[in-house]
Amino acid sequence: MTGTVGYPAAVSILETILVFVAIPLAVYGFFALVTLRSKFASRPRYRPGQAWDYPPVWWTANPEGAGQHTADSGHGDAAPSKVRGGASGNW
């Protein structure tokens, strides 16, 4: 050994551009396609002012109790509701 340090082979400008430009661009392009894939494949979003052509969907946290009436609703034969809670925090 002569003690010299250097590259084992010369690196061309084409190989340098491939490593430092083409490979990073390919990686960024791949991730851009993966993240934007759902945007291109999905239906158009609703924007305010557009017509709403879908049936209404009502959400409730307690679907079983959604149709129950409370005792003070004017129905004399209805049993008091056992559903408790709400803004007062009574459980």
N, C-alpha and C. Protein backbone atom coordinates (compact mmCIF):
# COMPACT_ATOMS: atom_id res chain seq x y z
N MET A 1 0.83 -1.19 0.00
CA MET A 1 0.00 0.00 0.00
C MET A 1 0.87 1.23 0.00
N THR A 2 0.39 2.15 -0.77
CA THR A 2 1.16 3.38 -0.87
C THR A 2 0.66 4.45 0.07
N GLY A 3 -0.52 4.25 0.65
CA GLY A 3 -1.04 5.22 1.60
C GLY A 3 -1.86 6.33 0.97
N THR A 4 -2.16 6.22 -0.29
CA THR A 4 -2.99 7.25 -0.92
C THR A 4 -4.47 6.92 -0.76
N VAL A 5 -5.24 7.93 -0.59
CA VAL A 5 -6.67 7.78 -0.42
C VAL A 5 -7.32 8.39 -1.65
N GLY A 6 -8.31 7.69 -2.21
CA GLY A 6 -9.00 8.23 -3.38
C GLY A 6 -10.14 7.31 -3.76
N TYR A 7 -10.82 7.69 -4.83
CA TYR A 7 -11.92 6.87 -5.32
C TYR A 7 -11.37 5.66 -6.03
N PRO A 8 -12.07 4.52 -5.89
CA PRO A 8 -11.59 3.33 -6.59
C PRO A 8 -11.77 3.46 -8.11
N ALA A 9 -12.73 4.23 -8.55
CA ALA A 9 -12.94 4.44 -9.98
C ALA A 9 -13.47 5.85 -10.18
N ALA A 10 -13.26 6.40 -11.32
CA ALA A 10 -13.74 7.74 -11.63
C ALA A 10 -15.27 7.71 -11.77
N VAL A 11 -15.92 8.78 -11.31
CA VAL A 11 -17.37 8.89 -11.38
C VAL A 11 -17.68 9.92 -12.47
N SER A 12 -18.51 9.50 -13.42
CA SER A 12 -18.83 10.41 -14.52
C SER A 12 -19.89 11.42 -14.09
N ILE A 13 -20.05 12.48 -14.90
CA ILE A 13 -21.06 13.49 -14.60
C ILE A 13 -22.45 12.90 -14.71
N LEU A 14 -22.66 11.96 -15.61
CA LEU A 14 -23.96 11.30 -15.76
C LEU A 14 -24.33 10.53 -14.49
N GLU A 15 -23.38 9.81 -13.93
CA GLU A 15 -23.64 9.07 -12.68
C GLU A 15 -23.90 10.03 -11.52
N THR A 16 -23.21 11.15 -11.50
CA THR A 16 -23.41 12.13 -10.44
C THR A 16 -24.82 12.73 -10.53
N ILE A 17 -25.25 13.09 -11.74
CA ILE A 17 -26.60 13.64 -11.92
C ILE A 17 -27.65 12.60 -11.57
N LEU A 18 -27.40 11.37 -11.94
CA LEU A 18 -28.36 10.30 -11.61
C LEU A 18 -28.53 10.16 -10.11
N VAL A 19 -27.44 10.18 -9.38
CA VAL A 19 -27.50 9.97 -7.93
C VAL A 19 -28.08 11.18 -7.21
N PHE A 20 -27.66 12.38 -7.58
CA PHE A 20 -28.05 13.57 -6.82
C PHE A 20 -29.28 14.30 -7.37
N VAL A 21 -29.76 13.97 -8.57
CA VAL A 21 -30.92 14.66 -9.13
C VAL A 21 -32.04 13.68 -9.47
N ALA A 22 -31.77 12.68 -10.27
CA ALA A 22 -32.82 11.79 -10.77
C ALA A 22 -33.43 10.94 -9.67
N ILE A 23 -32.64 10.37 -8.80
CA ILE A 23 -33.17 9.51 -7.74
C ILE A 23 -34.02 10.32 -6.75
N PRO A 24 -33.55 11.48 -6.26
CA PRO A 24 -34.45 12.26 -5.38
C PRO A 24 -35.73 12.71 -6.07
N LEU A 25 -35.67 13.09 -7.36
CA LEU A 25 -36.89 13.46 -8.07
C LEU A 25 -37.84 12.28 -8.19
N ALA A 26 -37.31 11.10 -8.40
CA ALA A 26 -38.16 9.91 -8.47
C ALA A 26 -38.84 9.64 -7.12
N VAL A 27 -38.12 9.81 -6.03
CA VAL A 27 -38.68 9.58 -4.70
C VAL A 27 -39.78 10.62 -4.41
N TYR A 28 -39.51 11.90 -4.69
CA TYR A 28 -40.53 12.94 -4.49
C TYR A 28 -41.75 12.69 -5.38
N GLY A 29 -41.52 12.29 -6.62
CA GLY A 29 -42.62 11.99 -7.52
C GLY A 29 -43.47 10.84 -7.04
N PHE A 30 -42.84 9.80 -6.51
CA PHE A 30 -43.57 8.65 -5.99
C PHE A 30 -44.47 9.06 -4.84
N PHE A 31 -43.93 9.80 -3.89
CA PHE A 31 -44.73 10.20 -2.73
C PHE A 31 -45.82 11.20 -3.13
N ALA A 32 -45.56 12.04 -4.11
CA ALA A 32 -46.60 12.96 -4.58
C ALA A 32 -47.75 12.18 -5.20
N LEU A 33 -47.46 11.17 -5.98
CA LEU A 33 -48.53 10.36 -6.58
C LEU A 33 -49.31 9.58 -5.53
N VAL A 34 -48.62 9.07 -4.52
CA VAL A 34 -49.30 8.31 -3.47
C VAL A 34 -50.23 9.21 -2.66
N THR A 35 -49.78 10.42 -2.35
CA THR A 35 -50.61 11.29 -1.52
C THR A 35 -51.74 11.94 -2.31
N LEU A 36 -51.57 12.18 -3.60
CA LEU A 36 -52.61 12.81 -4.40
C LEU A 36 -53.53 11.81 -5.08
N ARG A 37 -53.24 10.53 -4.94
CA ARG A 37 -54.03 9.48 -5.59
C ARG A 37 -55.49 9.55 -5.18
N SER A 38 -55.77 9.72 -3.90
CA SER A 38 -57.15 9.74 -3.43
C SER A 38 -57.88 10.99 -3.92
N LYS A 39 -57.16 12.08 -4.11
CA LYS A 39 -57.80 13.30 -4.58
C LYS A 39 -58.28 13.13 -6.03
N PHE A 40 -57.52 12.47 -6.84
CA PHE A 40 -57.89 12.28 -8.23
C PHE A 40 -58.95 11.20 -8.40
N ALA A 41 -58.99 10.23 -7.49
CA ALA A 41 -59.91 9.09 -7.64
C ALA A 41 -61.27 9.35 -6.99
N SER A 42 -61.38 10.33 -6.12
CA SER A 42 -62.62 10.51 -5.38
C SER A 42 -63.61 11.39 -6.15
N ARG A 43 -64.84 11.39 -5.65
CA ARG A 43 -65.88 12.23 -6.22
C ARG A 43 -65.58 13.69 -5.91
N PRO A 44 -66.14 14.61 -6.68
CA PRO A 44 -65.94 16.02 -6.37
C PRO A 44 -66.56 16.37 -5.01
N ARG A 45 -65.92 17.26 -4.30
CA ARG A 45 -66.41 17.66 -2.98
C ARG A 45 -67.57 18.63 -3.11
N TYR A 46 -68.39 18.66 -2.06
CA TYR A 46 -69.48 19.62 -1.99
C TYR A 46 -68.91 20.99 -1.65
N ARG A 47 -69.36 21.99 -2.34
CA ARG A 47 -68.97 23.37 -2.06
C ARG A 47 -70.21 24.15 -1.68
N PRO A 48 -70.11 25.08 -0.74
CA PRO A 48 -71.27 25.88 -0.36
C PRO A 48 -71.89 26.58 -1.58
N GLY A 49 -73.20 26.53 -1.64
CA GLY A 49 -73.92 27.13 -2.74
C GLY A 49 -74.34 26.13 -3.79
N GLN A 50 -73.74 24.94 -3.79
CA GLN A 50 -74.14 23.92 -4.75
C GLN A 50 -75.43 23.25 -4.26
N ALA A 51 -76.14 22.65 -5.19
CA ALA A 51 -77.35 21.92 -4.82
C ALA A 51 -76.97 20.65 -4.05
N TRP A 52 -77.77 20.31 -3.04
CA TRP A 52 -77.54 19.11 -2.24
C TRP A 52 -78.52 18.04 -2.71
N ASP A 53 -78.00 17.01 -3.39
CA ASP A 53 -78.84 15.99 -4.00
C ASP A 53 -78.88 14.69 -3.21
N TYR A 54 -78.58 14.74 -1.93
CA TYR A 54 -78.50 13.53 -1.12
C TYR A 54 -79.54 13.58 -0.01
N PRO A 55 -80.02 12.41 0.44
CA PRO A 55 -80.98 12.42 1.55
C PRO A 55 -80.29 12.84 2.84
N PRO A 56 -81.04 13.43 3.78
CA PRO A 56 -80.42 13.85 5.03
C PRO A 56 -80.05 12.64 5.89
N VAL A 57 -78.97 12.76 6.61
CA VAL A 57 -78.50 11.71 7.50
C VAL A 57 -78.44 12.33 8.89
N TRP A 58 -79.21 11.78 9.81
CA TRP A 58 -79.24 12.30 11.17
C TRP A 58 -78.37 11.41 12.04
N TRP A 59 -77.51 11.99 12.83
CA TRP A 59 -76.61 11.25 13.70
C TRP A 59 -77.03 11.47 15.13
N THR A 60 -76.99 10.38 15.89
CA THR A 60 -77.24 10.47 17.32
C THR A 60 -76.30 9.50 18.03
N ALA A 61 -75.89 9.87 19.23
CA ALA A 61 -74.99 9.02 19.99
C ALA A 61 -75.74 7.84 20.60
N ASN A 62 -77.06 7.94 20.71
CA ASN A 62 -77.86 6.88 21.31
C ASN A 62 -79.00 6.54 20.35
N PRO A 63 -78.75 5.70 19.32
CA PRO A 63 -79.80 5.42 18.34
C PRO A 63 -81.01 4.71 18.94
N GLU A 64 -80.82 3.92 20.00
CA GLU A 64 -81.96 3.23 20.61
C GLU A 64 -82.87 4.21 21.33
N GLY A 65 -82.32 5.29 21.86
CA GLY A 65 -83.11 6.25 22.62
C GLY A 65 -83.55 7.44 21.80
N ALA A 66 -83.31 7.42 20.50
CA ALA A 66 -83.64 8.59 19.67
C ALA A 66 -85.14 8.79 19.57
N GLY A 67 -85.93 7.73 19.60
CA GLY A 67 -87.37 7.88 19.45
C GLY A 67 -88.12 7.90 20.77
N GLN A 68 -87.43 7.85 21.90
CA GLN A 68 -88.10 7.83 23.19
C GLN A 68 -88.62 9.22 23.54
N HIS A 69 -89.75 9.24 24.24
CA HIS A 69 -90.33 10.50 24.70
C HIS A 69 -90.05 10.64 26.18
N THR A 70 -89.90 11.85 26.62
CA THR A 70 -89.71 12.07 28.05
C THR A 70 -91.07 12.21 28.73
N ALA A 71 -91.09 12.19 30.04
CA ALA A 71 -92.33 12.21 30.80
C ALA A 71 -93.07 13.54 30.64
N ASP A 72 -92.35 14.63 30.42
CA ASP A 72 -93.00 15.93 30.31
C ASP A 72 -93.34 16.28 28.86
N SER A 73 -93.37 15.30 27.98
CA SER A 73 -93.65 15.61 26.58
C SER A 73 -95.15 15.66 26.29
N GLY A 74 -96.00 15.47 27.30
CA GLY A 74 -97.43 15.57 27.10
C GLY A 74 -98.11 14.21 26.92
N HIS A 75 -97.38 13.14 26.89
CA HIS A 75 -97.96 11.80 26.79
C HIS A 75 -98.12 11.24 28.20
N GLY A 76 -99.34 11.15 28.68
CA GLY A 76 -99.57 10.72 30.05
C GLY A 76 -99.25 9.26 30.29
N ASP A 77 -99.36 8.41 29.28
CA ASP A 77 -99.12 6.99 29.49
C ASP A 77 -97.66 6.61 29.27
N ALA A 78 -96.82 7.51 28.87
CA ALA A 78 -95.41 7.19 28.63
C ALA A 78 -94.66 7.10 29.95
N ALA A 79 -93.84 6.09 30.08
CA ALA A 79 -93.02 5.93 31.28
C ALA A 79 -91.88 6.94 31.23
N PRO A 80 -91.41 7.34 32.40
CA PRO A 80 -90.29 8.28 32.42
C PRO A 80 -89.06 7.65 31.74
N SER A 81 -88.35 8.47 31.05
CA SER A 81 -87.16 7.99 30.34
C SER A 81 -86.06 7.69 31.34
N LYS A 82 -85.34 6.61 31.11
CA LYS A 82 -84.22 6.24 31.98
C LYS A 82 -82.90 6.79 31.44
N VAL A 83 -82.96 7.51 30.33
CA VAL A 83 -81.76 8.10 29.76
C VAL A 83 -81.40 9.31 30.59
N ARG A 84 -80.20 9.33 31.14
CA ARG A 84 -79.75 10.42 32.00
C ARG A 84 -78.50 11.04 31.40
N GLY A 85 -78.13 12.18 31.91
CA GLY A 85 -76.93 12.84 31.43
C GLY A 85 -77.29 14.19 30.86
N GLY A 86 -76.54 14.61 29.91
CA GLY A 86 -76.80 15.89 29.29
C GLY A 86 -75.89 16.97 29.82
N ALA A 87 -76.32 18.19 29.67
CA ALA A 87 -75.47 19.32 30.04
C ALA A 87 -75.31 19.47 31.54
N SER A 88 -76.27 18.95 32.31
CA SER A 88 -76.17 19.12 33.76
C SER A 88 -75.18 18.15 34.38
N GLY A 89 -74.85 17.09 33.69
CA GLY A 89 -73.88 16.14 34.19
C GLY A 89 -74.46 15.16 35.19
N ASN A 90 -75.76 15.05 35.31
CA ASN A 90 -76.37 14.08 36.21
C ASN A 90 -76.36 12.69 35.58
N TRP A 91 -75.87 11.72 36.33
CA TRP A 91 -75.79 10.35 35.79
C TRP A 91 -76.57 9.43 36.68
